[in-house]
Amino acid sequence: MARKLTLQTFDGAVEMVRRNPEVPIDELIERVCSKGGTTIQAIDTFRADELEAIIDKAMTRCRNRSEELSKL
């Protein structure tokens, strides 16, 4: 059940970003998160643990490896 709910939440967030390409993600977060609510607690944790930097690093490594493999 937790997996299903997580995937539904993720799908909803992705759809919201797709439907609002002109709106910064931080603004979309403010629109849907209640102050002191459960979702903002998760977002605050992601920010504190620098999730964006982790994802950026992972995608950079992925791109670099793809470039290396294309030269083989």
PDB file of N, CA and C in Angstrom:
ATOM      1  N   MET A   1       0.826  -1.193   0.000  1.00  0.00           N
ATOM      2  CA  MET A   1       0.000   0.000   0.000  1.00  0.00           C
ATOM      3  C   MET A   1       0.874   1.261   0.000  1.00  0.00           C
ATOM      4  N   ALA A   2       1.953   1.251   0.787  1.00  0.00           N
ATOM      5  CA  ALA A   2       2.835   2.417   0.838  1.00  0.00           C
ATOM      6  C   ALA A   2       3.460   2.684  -0.529  1.00  0.00           C
ATOM      7  N   ARG A   3       3.852   1.610  -1.208  1.00  0.00           N
ATOM      8  CA  ARG A   3       4.440   1.770  -2.544  1.00  0.00           C
ATOM      9  C   ARG A   3       3.428   2.389  -3.497  1.00  0.00           C
ATOM     10  N   LYS A   4       2.210   1.893  -3.466  1.00  0.00           N
ATOM     11  CA  LYS A   4       1.159   2.401  -4.344  1.00  0.00           C
ATOM     12  C   LYS A   4       0.902   3.887  -4.076  1.00  0.00           C
ATOM     13  N   LEU A   5       0.797   4.262  -2.817  1.00  0.00           N
ATOM     14  CA  LEU A   5       0.559   5.660  -2.466  1.00  0.00           C
ATOM     15  C   LEU A   5       1.730   6.554  -2.870  1.00  0.00           C
ATOM     16  N   THR A   6       2.935   6.052  -2.697  1.00  0.00           N
ATOM     17  CA  THR A   6       4.122   6.815  -3.097  1.00  0.00           C
ATOM     18  C   THR A   6       4.117   7.070  -4.591  1.00  0.00           C
ATOM     19  N   LEU A   7       3.827   6.036  -5.369  1.00  0.00           N
ATOM     20  CA  LEU A   7       3.804   6.183  -6.824  1.00  0.00           C
ATOM     21  C   LEU A   7       2.697   7.129  -7.274  1.00  0.00           C
ATOM     22  N   GLN A   8       1.542   7.059  -6.649  1.00  0.00           N
ATOM     23  CA  GLN A   8       0.449   7.965  -6.998  1.00  0.00           C
ATOM     24  C   GLN A   8       0.807   9.410  -6.669  1.00  0.00           C
ATOM     25  N   THR A   9       1.468   9.610  -5.550  1.00  0.00           N
ATOM     26  CA  THR A   9       1.904  10.957  -5.172  1.00  0.00           C
ATOM     27  C   THR A   9       2.914  11.488  -6.176  1.00  0.00           C
ATOM     28  N   PHE A  10       3.870  10.656  -6.535  1.00  0.00           N
ATOM     29  CA  PHE A  10       4.891  11.052  -7.508  1.00  0.00           C
ATOM     30  C   PHE A  10       4.244  11.373  -8.860  1.00  0.00           C
ATOM     31  N   ASP A  11       3.349  10.506  -9.312  1.00  0.00           N
ATOM     32  CA  ASP A  11       2.663  10.743 -10.588  1.00  0.00           C
ATOM     33  C   ASP A  11       1.903  12.068 -10.572  1.00  0.00           C
ATOM     34  N   GLY A  12       1.241  12.353  -9.465  1.00  0.00           N
ATOM     35  CA  GLY A  12       0.496  13.604  -9.345  1.00  0.00           C
ATOM     36  C   GLY A  12       1.415  14.817  -9.392  1.00  0.00           C
ATOM     37  N   ALA A  13       2.545  14.724  -8.734  1.00  0.00           N
ATOM     38  CA  ALA A  13       3.498  15.836  -8.734  1.00  0.00           C
ATOM     39  C   ALA A  13       4.059  16.074 -10.127  1.00  0.00           C
ATOM     40  N   VAL A  14       4.418  15.006 -10.818  1.00  0.00           N
ATOM     41  CA  VAL A  14       4.947  15.133 -12.178  1.00  0.00           C
ATOM     42  C   VAL A  14       3.903  15.756 -13.095  1.00  0.00           C
ATOM     43  N   GLU A  15       2.674  15.315 -12.984  1.00  0.00           N
ATOM     44  CA  GLU A  15       1.593  15.854 -13.824  1.00  0.00           C
ATOM     45  C   GLU A  15       1.386  17.343 -13.557  1.00  0.00           C
ATOM     46  N   MET A  16       1.466  17.747 -12.303  1.00  0.00           N
ATOM     47  CA  MET A  16       1.307  19.155 -11.959  1.00  0.00           C
ATOM     48  C   MET A  16       2.406  19.997 -12.612  1.00  0.00           C
ATOM     49  N   VAL A  17       3.635  19.505 -12.582  1.00  0.00           N
ATOM     50  CA  VAL A  17       4.746  20.231 -13.203  1.00  0.00           C
ATOM     51  C   VAL A  17       4.554  20.290 -14.720  1.00  0.00           C
ATOM     52  N   ARG A  18       4.120  19.192 -15.313  1.00  0.00           N
ATOM     53  CA  ARG A  18       3.877  19.173 -16.767  1.00  0.00           C
ATOM     54  C   ARG A  18       2.807  20.177 -17.174  1.00  0.00           C
ATOM     55  N   ARG A  19       1.760  20.287 -16.393  1.00  0.00           N
ATOM     56  CA  ARG A  19       0.643  21.172 -16.735  1.00  0.00           C
ATOM     57  C   ARG A  19       0.941  22.640 -16.460  1.00  0.00           C
ATOM     58  N   ASN A  20       2.002  22.915 -15.734  1.00  0.00           N
ATOM     59  CA  ASN A  20       2.343  24.292 -15.358  1.00  0.00           C
ATOM     60  C   ASN A  20       3.809  24.583 -15.648  1.00  0.00           C
ATOM     61  N   PRO A  21       4.236  24.460 -16.913  1.00  0.00           N
ATOM     62  CA  PRO A  21       5.661  24.607 -17.223  1.00  0.00           C
ATOM     63  C   PRO A  21       6.225  26.003 -16.932  1.00  0.00           C
ATOM     64  N   GLU A  22       5.351  26.992 -16.880  1.00  0.00           N
ATOM     65  CA  GLU A  22       5.808  28.362 -16.653  1.00  0.00           C
ATOM     66  C   GLU A  22       5.960  28.700 -15.173  1.00  0.00           C
ATOM     67  N   VAL A  23       5.459  27.829 -14.302  1.00  0.00           N
ATOM     68  CA  VAL A  23       5.479  28.104 -12.862  1.00  0.00           C
ATOM     69  C   VAL A  23       6.690  27.415 -12.234  1.00  0.00           C
ATOM     70  N   PRO A  24       7.525  28.168 -11.510  1.00  0.00           N
ATOM     71  CA  PRO A  24       8.670  27.546 -10.828  1.00  0.00           C
ATOM     72  C   PRO A  24       8.204  26.464  -9.857  1.00  0.00           C
ATOM     73  N   ILE A  25       8.985  25.414  -9.737  1.00  0.00           N
ATOM     74  CA  ILE A  25       8.606  24.294  -8.877  1.00  0.00           C
ATOM     75  C   ILE A  25       8.421  24.741  -7.426  1.00  0.00           C
ATOM     76  N   ASP A  26       9.263  25.637  -6.946  1.00  0.00           N
ATOM     77  CA  ASP A  26       9.103  26.112  -5.567  1.00  0.00           C
ATOM     78  C   ASP A  26       7.724  26.742  -5.352  1.00  0.00           C
ATOM     79  N   GLU A  27       7.216  27.440  -6.370  1.00  0.00           N
ATOM     80  CA  GLU A  27       5.887  28.048  -6.260  1.00  0.00           C
ATOM     81  C   GLU A  27       4.790  26.973  -6.258  1.00  0.00           C
ATOM     82  N   LEU A  28       4.967  25.944  -7.091  1.00  0.00           N
ATOM     83  CA  LEU A  28       3.994  24.842  -7.088  1.00  0.00           C
ATOM     84  C   LEU A  28       3.968  24.159  -5.727  1.00  0.00           C
ATOM     85  N   ILE A  29       5.135  23.992  -5.128  1.00  0.00           N
ATOM     86  CA  ILE A  29       5.214  23.384  -3.797  1.00  0.00           C
ATOM     87  C   ILE A  29       4.429  24.226  -2.792  1.00  0.00           C
ATOM     88  N   GLU A  30       4.615  25.541  -2.841  1.00  0.00           N
ATOM     89  CA  GLU A  30       3.900  26.429  -1.921  1.00  0.00           C
ATOM     90  C   GLU A  30       2.395  26.331  -2.110  1.00  0.00           C
ATOM     91  N   ARG A  31       1.962  26.121  -3.357  1.00  0.00           N
ATOM     92  CA  ARG A  31       0.523  26.043  -3.645  1.00  0.00           C
ATOM     93  C   ARG A  31      -0.130  24.808  -3.035  1.00  0.00           C
ATOM     94  N   VAL A  32       0.607  23.709  -2.949  1.00  0.00           N
ATOM     95  CA  VAL A  32      -0.025  22.458  -2.518  1.00  0.00           C
ATOM     96  C   VAL A  32       0.325  22.028  -1.091  1.00  0.00           C
ATOM     97  N   CYS A  33       1.365  22.589  -0.516  1.00  0.00           N
ATOM     98  CA  CYS A  33       1.779  22.162   0.821  1.00  0.00           C
ATOM     99  C   CYS A  33       1.160  23.050   1.888  1.00  0.00           C
ATOM    100  N   SER A  34       0.545  22.414   2.863  1.00  0.00           N
ATOM    101  CA  SER A  34       0.038  23.144   4.021  1.00  0.00           C
ATOM    102  C   SER A  34       1.215  23.471   4.926  1.00  0.00           C
ATOM    103  N   LYS A  35       1.211  24.681   5.452  1.00  0.00           N
ATOM    104  CA  LYS A  35       2.257  25.046   6.407  1.00  0.00           C
ATOM    105  C   LYS A  35       2.163  24.118   7.611  1.00  0.00           C
ATOM    106  N   GLY A  36       3.256  23.468   7.936  1.00  0.00           N
ATOM    107  CA  GLY A  36       3.273  22.548   9.062  1.00  0.00           C
ATOM    108  C   GLY A  36       2.664  21.187   8.764  1.00  0.00           C
ATOM    109  N   GLY A  37       2.310  20.950   7.481  1.00  0.00           N
ATOM    110  CA  GLY A  37       1.701  19.682   7.104  1.00  0.00           C
ATOM    111  C   GLY A  37       2.723  18.592   6.848  1.00  0.00           C
ATOM    112  N   THR A  38       2.232  17.453   6.433  1.00  0.00           N
ATOM    113  CA  THR A  38       3.093  16.293   6.242  1.00  0.00           C
ATOM    114  C   THR A  38       3.990  16.415   5.012  1.00  0.00           C
ATOM    115  N   THR A  39       3.434  16.924   3.921  1.00  0.00           N
ATOM    116  CA  THR A  39       4.214  17.002   2.680  1.00  0.00           C
ATOM    117  C   THR A  39       5.374  17.976   2.817  1.00  0.00           C
ATOM    118  N   ILE A  40       5.127  19.121   3.436  1.00  0.00           N
ATOM    119  CA  ILE A  40       6.207  20.100   3.580  1.00  0.00           C
ATOM    120  C   ILE A  40       7.300  19.559   4.495  1.00  0.00           C
ATOM    121  N   GLN A  41       6.954  18.673   5.414  1.00  0.00           N
ATOM    122  CA  GLN A  41       7.982  18.043   6.246  1.00  0.00           C
ATOM    123  C   GLN A  41       8.921  17.217   5.376  1.00  0.00           C
ATOM    124  N   ALA A  42       8.354  16.489   4.425  1.00  0.00           N
ATOM    125  CA  ALA A  42       9.188  15.707   3.508  1.00  0.00           C
ATOM    126  C   ALA A  42      10.037  16.629   2.641  1.00  0.00           C
ATOM    127  N   ILE A  43       9.428  17.676   2.103  1.00  0.00           N
ATOM    128  CA  ILE A  43      10.159  18.628   1.255  1.00  0.00           C
ATOM    129  C   ILE A  43      11.301  19.260   2.040  1.00  0.00           C
ATOM    130  N   ASP A  44      11.049  19.659   3.258  1.00  0.00           N
ATOM    131  CA  ASP A  44      12.101  20.259   4.090  1.00  0.00           C
ATOM    132  C   ASP A  44      13.255  19.283   4.321  1.00  0.00           C
ATOM    133  N   THR A  45      12.926  18.006   4.477  1.00  0.00           N
ATOM    134  CA  THR A  45      13.960  16.984   4.639  1.00  0.00           C
ATOM    135  C   THR A  45      14.782  16.850   3.364  1.00  0.00           C
ATOM    136  N   PHE A  46      14.103  16.814   2.210  1.00  0.00           N
ATOM    137  CA  PHE A  46      14.818  16.741   0.927  1.00  0.00           C
ATOM    138  C   PHE A  46      15.774  17.922   0.793  1.00  0.00           C
ATOM    139  N   ARG A  47      15.301  19.099   1.145  1.00  0.00           N
ATOM    140  CA  ARG A  47      16.138  20.294   1.034  1.00  0.00           C
ATOM    141  C   ARG A  47      17.324  20.228   2.004  1.00  0.00           C
ATOM    142  N   ALA A  48      17.068  19.835   3.228  1.00  0.00           N
ATOM    143  CA  ALA A  48      18.133  19.759   4.235  1.00  0.00           C
ATOM    144  C   ALA A  48      19.196  18.738   3.848  1.00  0.00           C
ATOM    145  N   ASP A  49      18.769  17.650   3.253  1.00  0.00           N
ATOM    146  CA  ASP A  49      19.705  16.594   2.850  1.00  0.00           C
ATOM    147  C   ASP A  49      20.261  16.800   1.448  1.00  0.00           C
ATOM    148  N   GLU A  50      19.933  17.949   0.866  1.00  0.00           N
ATOM    149  CA  GLU A  50      20.435  18.348  -0.449  1.00  0.00           C
ATOM    150  C   GLU A  50      20.132  17.311  -1.530  1.00  0.00           C
ATOM    151  N   LEU A  51      18.870  16.884  -1.567  1.00  0.00           N
ATOM    152  CA  LEU A  51      18.443  15.899  -2.559  1.00  0.00           C
ATOM    153  C   LEU A  51      18.692  16.398  -3.980  1.00  0.00           C
ATOM    154  N   GLU A  52      18.457  17.682  -4.230  1.00  0.00           N
ATOM    155  CA  GLU A  52      18.673  18.231  -5.572  1.00  0.00           C
ATOM    156  C   GLU A  52      20.125  18.045  -6.011  1.00  0.00           C
ATOM    157  N   ALA A  53      21.064  18.273  -5.108  1.00  0.00           N
ATOM    158  CA  ALA A  53      22.483  18.096  -5.431  1.00  0.00           C
ATOM    159  C   ALA A  53      22.803  16.632  -5.706  1.00  0.00           C
ATOM    160  N   ILE A  54      22.174  15.737  -4.946  1.00  0.00           N
ATOM    161  CA  ILE A  54      22.388  14.297  -5.159  1.00  0.00           C
ATOM    162  C   ILE A  54      21.880  13.890  -6.537  1.00  0.00           C
ATOM    163  N   ILE A  55      20.696  14.361  -6.904  1.00  0.00           N
ATOM    164  CA  ILE A  55      20.132  14.035  -8.219  1.00  0.00           C
ATOM    165  C   ILE A  55      20.992  14.632  -9.320  1.00  0.00           C
ATOM    166  N   ASP A  56      21.435  15.863  -9.148  1.00  0.00           N
ATOM    167  CA  ASP A  56      22.288  16.511 -10.148  1.00  0.00           C
ATOM    168  C   ASP A  56      23.580  15.720 -10.349  1.00  0.00           C
ATOM    169  N   LYS A  57      24.192  15.300  -9.266  1.00  0.00           N
ATOM    170  CA  LYS A  57      25.431  14.512  -9.348  1.00  0.00           C
ATOM    171  C   LYS A  57      25.181  13.194 -10.071  1.00  0.00           C
ATOM    172  N   ALA A  58      24.081  12.526  -9.730  1.00  0.00           N
ATOM    173  CA  ALA A  58      23.759  11.245 -10.368  1.00  0.00           C
ATOM    174  C   ALA A  58      23.525  11.417 -11.861  1.00  0.00           C
ATOM    175  N   MET A  59      22.816  12.454 -12.250  1.00  0.00           N
ATOM    176  CA  MET A  59      22.525  12.663 -13.670  1.00  0.00           C
ATOM    177  C   MET A  59      23.786  13.068 -14.432  1.00  0.00           C
ATOM    178  N   THR A  60      24.682  13.806 -13.804  1.00  0.00           N
ATOM    179  CA  THR A  60      25.950  14.154 -14.437  1.00  0.00           C
ATOM    180  C   THR A  60      26.780  12.904 -14.685  1.00  0.00           C
ATOM    181  N   ARG A  61      26.837  12.026 -13.695  1.00  0.00           N
ATOM    182  CA  ARG A  61      27.585  10.766 -13.859  1.00  0.00           C
ATOM    183  C   ARG A  61      26.954   9.902 -14.943  1.00  0.00           C
ATOM    184  N   CYS A  62      25.656   9.881 -14.992  1.00  0.00           N
ATOM    185  CA  CYS A  62      24.940   9.118 -16.013  1.00  0.00           C
ATOM    186  C   CYS A  62      25.266   9.659 -17.410  1.00  0.00           C
ATOM    187  N   ARG A  63      25.207  10.972 -17.565  1.00  0.00           N
ATOM    188  CA  ARG A  63      25.530  11.589 -18.848  1.00  0.00           C
ATOM    189  C   ARG A  63      26.968  11.306 -19.245  1.00  0.00           C
ATOM    190  N   ASN A  64      27.885  11.457 -18.297  1.00  0.00           N
ATOM    191  CA  ASN A  64      29.299  11.217 -18.593  1.00  0.00           C
ATOM    192  C   ASN A  64      29.545   9.782 -19.034  1.00  0.00           C
ATOM    193  N   ARG A  65      28.905   8.845 -18.353  1.00  0.00           N
ATOM    194  CA  ARG A  65      29.074   7.435 -18.724  1.00  0.00           C
ATOM    195  C   ARG A  65      28.470   7.159 -20.098  1.00  0.00           C
ATOM    196  N   SER A  66      27.359   7.771 -20.392  1.00  0.00           N
ATOM    197  CA  SER A  66      26.738   7.623 -21.700  1.00  0.00           C
ATOM    198  C   SER A  66      27.674   8.130 -22.802  1.00  0.00           C
ATOM    199  N   GLU A  67      28.307   9.248 -22.546  1.00  0.00           N
ATOM    200  CA  GLU A  67      29.268   9.791 -23.509  1.00  0.00           C
ATOM    201  C   GLU A  67      30.452   8.823 -23.693  1.00  0.00           C
ATOM    202  N   GLU A  68      30.950   8.276 -22.582  1.00  0.00           N
ATOM    203  CA  GLU A  68      32.056   7.304 -22.671  1.00  0.00           C
ATOM    204  C   GLU A  68      31.655   6.076 -23.496  1.00  0.00           C
ATOM    205  N   LEU A  69      30.463   5.566 -23.222  1.00  0.00           N
ATOM    206  CA  LEU A  69      30.003   4.361 -23.943  1.00  0.00           C
ATOM    207  C   LEU A  69      29.779   4.636 -25.429  1.00  0.00           C
ATOM    208  N   SER A  70      29.402   5.850 -25.761  1.00  0.00           N
ATOM    209  CA  SER A  70      29.153   6.161 -27.173  1.00  0.00           C
ATOM    210  C   SER A  70      30.453   6.209 -27.980  1.00  0.00           C
ATOM    211  N   LYS A  71      31.587   6.310 -27.288  1.00  0.00           N
ATOM    212  CA  LYS A  71      32.892   6.359 -27.962  1.00  0.00           C
ATOM    213  C   LYS A  71      33.493   4.969 -28.179  1.00  0.00           C
ATOM    214  N   LEU A  72      32.857   3.952 -27.594  1.00  0.00           N
ATOM    215  CA  LEU A  72      33.389   2.588 -27.722  1.00  0.00           C
ATOM    216  C   LEU A  72      33.096   1.997 -29.083  1.00  0.00           C
TER     217      LEU A  72
END
